[in-house]
Amino acid sequence: MTSFQVMPQDMEAIATGGAFLGTGGGGDPYIGKLMAQSVMAEKGPVTVISPDDVEDDWLCLPVCMMGAPTVMVEKLPNGSEAGSALAQLEAFLGRRADALICIEAGGLNSTIPFAVASATGLPLIDGDGMGRAFPELQMVSFTMHSVSATPMVLADDKGNSSIINAISNRWTERLARCQTVEMGGAALVALYPMSGAEVKRGILRHTLSLIKEIGETISAERNAHRNPAEALIRRLGGKRLFSGRVADIDRRTVGGFARGQALFKGMEADEGKSFRVDFQNEFLICRGDDGAPMAITPDLICALDADGGLPVTTEQLRYGLAVTMIGLPCDEQWRTPAGLDLVGPAYFGYNHEYAPLHSLS
């Protein structure tokens, strides 16, 4: 099957799967789910197509939220920003988009494109630029394939918008981050205009199908009164990192990011141990008592509520919350020198060398 229809009721699984694969970031999936369901109830389902079905000369555009996920919990979008950003970028480019893309497989940014796709009638490509969520605009597979992030349009809930042209994707991040902060810490954006040929070279394939499957697995396991952790570990080739309760949480919004660290006291098989997880929107490094990494970016660190089995985002962490942390291997593109240069430990200031998840104890 090269394409499939997504109905409003499917957004529950997509939001849940996106929240899990988003490694704690990507924005609150609940908000995006409601936005998508509302539009789809009026405009109809969304067609998701394989990258192989994209014509080389198509114009393909990602639409997404930029900013601190914690801001989006209280600063709700008015619903028009993403469509406005898309329309303005199309006007600037002088042509209509042929298909839309999810920039990342995480939270709000795995659901907002469904709302825009339904509103416009455009197909959504089955893939994304990260295979998870990362905090900065240049941290996508498209950067490794020399796709420019600009021209880019930002739009906020007040009706403000701007167009950025930058000399590099890293400069796009710097300039857009400043504007996002002035827009209240979050904005909706359209960026990385690319041809269908560029999509097929750079996209991480079939992650939307995977997100939906993950969400359905979580739902099925919860309905069977089982925590989904073991089923997800088997399906995704991951490993259990620890189970523990939040003993302390330091979370702050700085420069358009939710930054901080959470300390956990082990429970069950990990009783008597302690763990620390650092995040910048997303969980980036998990360490045990000795300070050695148990999992480190770009591999995925995903949190499940140990009691209810639902994904936990960084803004949902609170004192006493019991979680099971799971590590998942990242896409192979991120393990290349170019990938590690973009999203490896050194970029985030860690003095640990990257080591694949299953090589760590």
Protein backbone atom coordinates (compact mmCIF):
# COMPACT_ATOMS: atom_id res chain seq x y z
CA MET A 1 0.00 0.00 0.00
CA THR A 2 1.55 3.28 -1.12
CA SER A 3 -1.10 5.62 0.28
CA PHE A 4 -3.74 5.60 2.98
CA GLN A 5 -6.49 7.80 4.35
CA VAL A 6 -6.34 9.34 7.81
CA MET A 7 -9.73 9.97 9.40
CA PRO A 8 -10.44 12.23 12.39
CA GLN A 9 -10.59 9.24 14.74
CA ASP A 10 -7.09 8.17 13.61
CA MET A 11 -5.61 11.34 15.08
CA GLU A 12 -5.82 9.85 18.57
CA ALA A 13 -3.26 7.18 17.66
CA ILE A 14 -1.15 9.64 15.64
CA ALA A 15 -1.02 12.12 18.52
CA THR A 16 -0.08 9.38 20.99
CA GLY A 17 2.56 7.86 18.71
CA GLY A 18 3.99 11.28 17.93
CA ALA A 19 4.22 12.14 21.61
CA PHE A 20 6.19 8.95 22.22
CA LEU A 21 8.55 9.25 19.25
CA GLY A 22 9.01 12.97 19.96
CA THR A 23 11.42 12.20 22.84
CA GLY A 24 9.63 14.58 25.19
CA GLY A 25 9.43 17.47 22.72
CA GLY A 26 7.61 18.68 19.64
CA GLY A 27 4.87 20.45 21.56
CA ASP A 28 1.71 19.23 23.27
CA PRO A 29 0.11 16.64 20.94
CA TYR A 30 -3.32 17.17 22.50
CA ILE A 31 -3.56 20.69 21.06
CA GLY A 32 -2.54 19.55 17.58
CA LYS A 33 -4.90 16.58 17.72
CA LEU A 34 -7.88 18.82 18.47
CA MET A 35 -6.87 21.23 15.71
CA ALA A 36 -6.57 18.42 13.17
CA GLN A 37 -9.82 16.71 14.20
CA SER A 38 -11.72 19.99 14.02
CA VAL A 39 -10.53 20.77 10.50
CA MET A 40 -10.91 17.18 9.27
CA ALA A 41 -14.49 17.00 10.56
CA GLU A 42 -15.31 19.93 8.28
CA LYS A 43 -12.95 19.46 5.33
CA GLY A 44 -12.49 15.69 5.19
CA PRO A 45 -9.75 13.08 5.63
CA VAL A 46 -6.08 13.42 4.72
CA THR A 47 -4.33 11.28 2.13
CA VAL A 48 -0.86 10.14 3.18
CA ILE A 49 1.34 9.12 0.25
CA SER A 50 4.64 7.28 -0.01
CA PRO A 51 7.74 9.32 -0.91
CA ASP A 52 8.03 7.04 -3.96
CA ASP A 53 4.75 8.46 -5.29
CA VAL A 54 6.02 12.06 -5.21
CA GLU A 55 6.79 13.54 -8.63
CA ASP A 56 10.30 14.99 -9.00
CA ASP A 57 9.05 18.43 -10.02
CA TRP A 58 6.54 18.84 -7.18
CA LEU A 59 6.89 21.66 -4.65
CA CYS A 60 6.84 20.12 -1.18
CA LEU A 61 6.65 22.21 2.00
CA PRO A 62 6.89 21.40 5.71
CA VAL A 63 4.65 23.29 8.14
CA CYS A 64 5.33 23.19 11.87
CA MET A 65 5.44 24.95 15.23
CA MET A 66 8.65 26.66 16.34
CA GLY A 67 9.31 27.59 19.96
CA ALA A 68 9.27 26.28 23.51
CA PRO A 69 6.74 23.43 24.05
CA THR A 70 5.95 24.78 27.52
CA VAL A 71 4.69 28.02 25.95
CA MET A 72 2.16 26.20 23.76
CA VAL A 73 0.43 24.77 26.83
CA GLU A 74 -0.83 28.24 27.76
CA LYS A 75 -0.43 30.23 24.51
CA LEU A 76 -2.85 28.38 22.28
CA PRO A 77 -2.76 28.99 18.53
CA ASN A 78 -5.84 30.61 16.99
CA GLY A 79 -5.87 27.97 14.26
CA SER A 80 -5.06 30.15 11.26
CA GLU A 81 -1.31 30.63 11.69
CA ALA A 82 -0.06 27.50 9.91
CA GLY A 83 -2.31 28.03 6.91
CA SER A 84 -1.29 31.68 6.76
CA ALA A 85 2.42 30.79 6.82
CA LEU A 86 1.89 28.25 4.02
CA ALA A 87 -0.10 30.67 1.84
CA GLN A 88 2.45 33.44 2.27
CA LEU A 89 5.34 31.16 1.35
CA GLU A 90 3.45 29.95 -1.71
CA ALA A 91 2.85 33.58 -2.73
CA PHE A 92 6.52 34.42 -2.27
CA LEU A 93 7.58 31.41 -4.34
CA GLY A 94 4.97 32.14 -7.01
CA ARG A 95 3.47 28.65 -7.08
CA ARG A 96 1.20 26.40 -5.08
CA ALA A 97 2.49 23.49 -3.03
CA ASP A 98 1.84 19.98 -4.33
CA ALA A 99 2.35 18.15 -1.03
CA LEU A 100 3.09 18.80 2.64
CA ILE A 101 5.70 17.33 4.97
CA CYS A 102 6.04 16.83 8.72
CA ILE A 103 9.31 18.44 9.76
CA GLU A 104 9.66 16.08 12.75
CA ALA A 105 8.02 12.98 14.16
CA GLY A 106 6.96 14.49 17.44
CA GLY A 107 4.03 15.87 19.39
CA LEU A 108 2.33 18.95 17.96
CA ASN A 109 4.48 18.85 14.85
CA SER A 110 3.20 15.41 13.90
CA THR A 111 -0.42 16.62 14.06
CA ILE A 112 -0.51 20.24 12.80
CA PRO A 113 0.39 19.18 9.22
CA PHE A 114 -2.75 17.02 9.17
CA ALA A 115 -4.86 20.09 9.94
CA VAL A 116 -3.22 22.05 7.13
CA ALA A 117 -3.42 19.11 4.71
CA SER A 118 -7.14 18.71 5.37
CA ALA A 119 -7.80 22.44 5.00
CA THR A 120 -5.93 22.66 1.69
CA GLY A 121 -6.71 19.24 0.25
CA LEU A 122 -2.99 18.56 -0.20
CA PRO A 123 -1.51 15.11 0.39
CA LEU A 124 0.91 14.55 3.27
CA ILE A 125 4.11 12.64 2.57
CA ASP A 126 4.77 9.56 4.72
CA GLY A 127 8.03 10.61 6.34
CA ASP A 128 9.73 13.47 8.15
CA GLY A 129 13.06 15.20 8.61
CA MET A 130 14.12 13.82 12.00
CA GLY A 131 12.56 10.46 12.89
CA ARG A 132 12.06 12.04 16.34
CA ALA A 133 12.08 15.67 17.55
CA PHE A 134 15.06 18.03 17.83
CA PRO A 135 15.06 21.60 19.16
CA GLU A 136 16.59 23.62 16.30
CA LEU A 137 15.51 24.28 12.71
CA GLN A 138 18.70 23.15 11.01
CA MET A 139 18.56 19.73 12.74
CA VAL A 140 16.86 17.88 9.90
CA SER A 141 17.97 15.31 7.36
CA PHE A 142 17.27 17.86 4.62
CA THR A 143 20.23 19.94 5.84
CA MET A 144 22.51 16.96 5.21
CA HIS A 145 21.21 16.92 1.63
CA SER A 146 21.88 20.65 1.05
CA VAL A 147 18.26 21.80 1.11
CA SER A 148 17.95 25.42 2.23
CA ALA A 149 15.55 26.21 5.08
CA THR A 150 14.70 29.55 3.45
CA PRO A 151 12.73 31.31 2.21
CA MET A 152 10.79 30.77 5.42
CA VAL A 153 7.60 32.38 6.77
CA LEU A 154 6.74 32.80 10.45
CA ALA A 155 3.21 33.68 11.62
CA ASP A 156 1.87 34.25 15.13
CA ASP A 157 -1.53 34.24 16.81
CA LYS A 158 -1.83 38.04 16.59
CA GLY A 159 -1.58 38.18 12.80
CA ASN A 160 2.10 39.16 12.58
CA SER A 161 4.23 37.44 9.97
CA SER A 162 7.66 37.72 8.41
CA ILE A 163 9.75 36.21 5.64
CA ILE A 164 13.37 35.21 6.25
CA ASN A 165 16.11 34.60 3.72
CA ALA A 166 19.36 33.45 5.31
CA ILE A 167 22.84 32.41 4.18
CA SER A 168 22.66 29.03 5.95
CA ASN A 169 20.24 26.83 7.86
CA ARG A 170 22.10 27.61 11.08
CA TRP A 171 21.58 31.33 10.46
CA THR A 172 17.92 30.62 9.75
CA GLU A 173 17.65 29.12 13.23
CA ARG A 174 19.32 32.11 14.86
CA LEU A 175 17.21 34.72 13.09
CA ALA A 176 13.93 32.83 13.40
CA ARG A 177 14.52 32.05 17.08
CA CYS A 178 14.81 35.76 17.88
CA GLN A 179 11.54 36.48 16.10
CA THR A 180 9.82 33.54 17.79
CA VAL A 181 10.79 34.89 21.20
CA GLU A 182 9.32 38.29 20.28
CA MET A 183 6.16 36.54 19.05
CA GLY A 184 5.60 35.23 22.55
CA GLY A 185 7.80 32.14 22.49
CA ALA A 186 5.97 30.19 19.77
CA ALA A 187 5.11 30.66 16.10
CA LEU A 188 3.84 28.58 13.21
CA VAL A 189 6.17 28.35 10.24
CA ALA A 190 6.49 27.12 6.65
CA LEU A 191 10.02 26.47 5.44
CA TYR A 192 12.42 24.15 3.58
CA PRO A 193 10.72 24.47 0.19
CA MET A 194 12.00 21.55 -1.85
CA SER A 195 11.36 19.58 -4.98
CA GLY A 196 9.97 16.08 -5.00
CA ALA A 197 13.39 14.82 -6.07
CA GLU A 198 14.95 16.43 -3.00
CA VAL A 199 12.26 14.92 -0.79
CA LYS A 200 13.06 11.42 -2.03
CA ARG A 201 16.76 11.90 -1.33
CA GLY A 202 16.47 13.42 2.12
CA ILE A 203 13.29 12.36 3.90
CA LEU A 204 13.26 9.72 6.65
CA ARG A 205 10.73 7.35 5.19
CA HIS A 206 7.41 6.04 6.50
CA THR A 207 7.60 7.63 9.93
CA LEU A 208 3.95 8.75 9.81
CA SER A 209 2.92 5.12 9.33
CA LEU A 210 5.18 4.23 12.24
CA ILE A 211 3.72 6.94 14.48
CA LYS A 212 0.21 5.64 13.81
CA GLU A 213 1.31 2.06 14.53
CA ILE A 214 3.00 3.11 17.78
CA GLY A 215 -0.15 4.90 18.91
CA GLU A 216 -2.29 1.86 18.09
CA THR A 217 0.13 -0.39 20.00
CA ILE A 218 -0.03 1.85 23.06
CA SER A 219 -3.84 1.84 22.93
CA ALA A 220 -4.03 -1.95 22.51
CA GLU A 221 -1.63 -2.62 25.38
CA ARG A 222 -3.46 -0.21 27.68
CA ASN A 223 -6.79 -1.85 26.79
CA ALA A 224 -5.23 -5.20 27.74
CA HIS A 225 -4.17 -3.65 31.09
CA ARG A 226 -0.47 -3.88 30.20
CA ASN A 227 2.13 -1.15 30.23
CA PRO A 228 3.14 -0.65 26.57
CA ALA A 229 6.87 -0.41 27.33
CA GLU A 230 7.83 -4.01 26.54
CA ALA A 231 5.75 -4.17 23.36
CA LEU A 232 7.32 -0.94 22.09
CA ILE A 233 10.83 -2.11 22.95
CA ARG A 234 10.29 -5.32 20.97
CA ARG A 235 8.74 -3.55 17.99
CA LEU A 236 11.31 -0.74 17.78
CA GLY A 237 14.50 -2.55 18.77
CA GLY A 238 14.97 -0.44 21.87
CA LYS A 239 15.85 -1.11 25.47
CA ARG A 240 14.54 -0.19 28.90
CA LEU A 241 16.72 2.44 30.57
CA PHE A 242 15.09 2.68 34.01
CA SER A 243 11.89 3.09 35.98
CA GLY A 244 11.79 5.85 38.56
CA ARG A 245 9.97 8.76 40.16
CA VAL A 246 10.79 12.41 39.57
CA ALA A 247 12.68 13.58 42.65
CA ASP A 248 13.55 17.04 41.37
CA ILE A 249 12.86 19.02 38.22
CA ASP A 250 14.60 22.16 36.96
CA ARG A 251 12.76 23.52 33.93
CA ARG A 252 13.01 27.02 32.50
CA THR A 253 12.20 28.74 29.24
CA VAL A 254 15.38 30.37 27.91
CA GLY A 255 15.95 31.80 24.45
CA GLY A 256 12.87 30.13 22.99
CA PHE A 257 13.68 26.68 24.42
CA ALA A 258 12.47 24.66 27.38
CA ARG A 259 15.76 23.75 29.06
CA GLY A 260 16.46 21.78 32.20
CA GLN A 261 17.12 18.46 33.85
CA ALA A 262 15.11 15.97 35.84
CA LEU A 263 16.42 13.79 38.68
CA PHE A 264 14.81 10.41 39.26
CA LYS A 265 14.89 7.95 42.14
CA GLY A 266 14.76 4.38 40.90
CA MET A 267 11.82 2.13 41.64
CA GLU A 268 11.07 -1.57 41.30
CA ALA A 269 14.15 -3.22 39.73
CA ASP A 270 16.00 0.11 39.96
CA GLU A 271 15.28 0.71 43.64
CA GLY A 272 18.22 2.44 45.35
CA LYS A 273 19.59 3.94 42.12
CA SER A 274 19.34 7.49 40.83
CA PHE A 275 19.20 8.85 37.30
CA ARG A 276 19.39 12.21 35.54
CA VAL A 277 17.91 13.22 32.21
CA ASP A 278 18.84 16.53 30.55
CA PHE A 279 16.60 18.16 27.97
CA GLN A 280 16.41 21.08 25.55
CA ASN A 281 12.77 20.74 24.47
CA GLU A 282 13.67 17.05 23.94
CA PHE A 283 15.41 14.49 26.17
CA LEU A 284 19.07 14.53 25.11
CA ILE A 285 21.08 12.46 27.58
CA CYS A 286 20.26 9.92 30.28
CA ARG A 287 22.86 9.18 32.96
CA GLY A 288 23.06 6.86 35.95
CA ASP A 289 24.71 7.17 39.38
CA ASP A 290 28.23 7.16 37.93
CA GLY A 291 27.47 9.96 35.44
CA ALA A 292 28.12 7.72 32.43
CA PRO A 293 25.58 7.98 29.58
CA MET A 294 22.96 5.26 29.31
CA ALA A 295 21.58 6.86 26.14
CA ILE A 296 22.66 10.00 24.32
CA THR A 297 21.56 12.12 21.36
CA PRO A 298 20.88 11.42 18.52
CA ASP A 299 19.47 8.12 19.85
CA LEU A 300 15.98 8.53 21.24
CA ILE A 301 15.07 8.79 24.93
CA CYS A 302 11.32 8.30 25.35
CA ALA A 303 9.23 8.47 28.52
CA LEU A 304 6.09 6.55 29.42
CA ASP A 305 3.95 7.11 32.49
CA ALA A 306 4.76 4.02 34.55
CA ASP A 307 1.18 3.80 35.81
CA GLY A 308 -0.96 4.75 32.82
CA GLY A 309 1.43 3.86 30.00
CA LEU A 310 0.96 7.12 28.07
CA PRO A 311 3.89 9.16 26.69
CA VAL A 312 5.26 11.93 28.88
CA THR A 313 6.59 15.20 27.44
CA THR A 314 9.13 17.47 29.12
CA GLU A 315 6.48 20.00 30.11
CA GLN A 316 4.47 17.24 31.83
CA LEU A 317 7.29 16.17 34.17
CA ARG A 318 6.45 16.94 37.79
CA TYR A 319 7.60 15.90 41.24
CA GLY A 320 6.54 12.35 42.13
CA LEU A 321 5.58 11.28 38.60
CA ALA A 322 6.55 7.65 37.96
CA VAL A 323 8.01 7.02 34.50
CA THR A 324 9.65 4.27 32.49
CA MET A 325 12.42 5.58 30.27
CA ILE A 326 13.07 3.75 27.01
CA GLY A 327 16.00 4.14 24.62
CA LEU A 328 15.55 3.68 20.85
CA PRO A 329 18.18 3.64 18.10
CA CYS A 330 18.09 6.65 15.79
CA ASP A 331 17.96 6.58 12.00
CA GLU A 332 21.32 5.64 10.48
CA GLN A 333 21.62 9.05 8.81
CA TRP A 334 22.15 10.61 12.24
CA ARG A 335 25.08 8.31 12.99
CA THR A 336 27.11 9.61 10.05
CA PRO A 337 29.75 12.35 10.62
CA ALA A 338 27.39 14.90 9.03
CA GLY A 339 24.52 13.78 11.24
CA LEU A 340 26.56 13.87 14.45
CA ASP A 341 27.86 17.31 13.52
CA LEU A 342 24.25 18.52 13.47
CA VAL A 343 22.77 16.72 16.49
CA GLY A 344 25.55 14.84 18.30
CA PRO A 345 26.53 15.33 21.95
CA ALA A 346 29.22 17.92 21.19
CA TYR A 347 26.71 20.29 19.58
CA PHE A 348 24.73 20.42 22.82
CA GLY A 349 27.84 20.96 24.94
CA TYR A 350 28.28 17.45 26.33
CA ASN A 351 31.82 16.13 26.68
CA HIS A 352 30.75 12.54 25.99
CA GLU A 353 31.50 10.90 22.67
CA TYR A 354 28.48 9.47 20.90
CA ALA A 355 28.10 5.73 21.35
CA PRO A 356 25.21 3.72 19.91
CA LEU A 357 22.48 2.86 22.38
CA HIS A 358 23.09 -0.87 22.54
CA SER A 359 26.81 -0.41 23.20
CA LEU A 360 26.07 1.44 26.47
CA SER A 361 25.39 -0.31 29.76
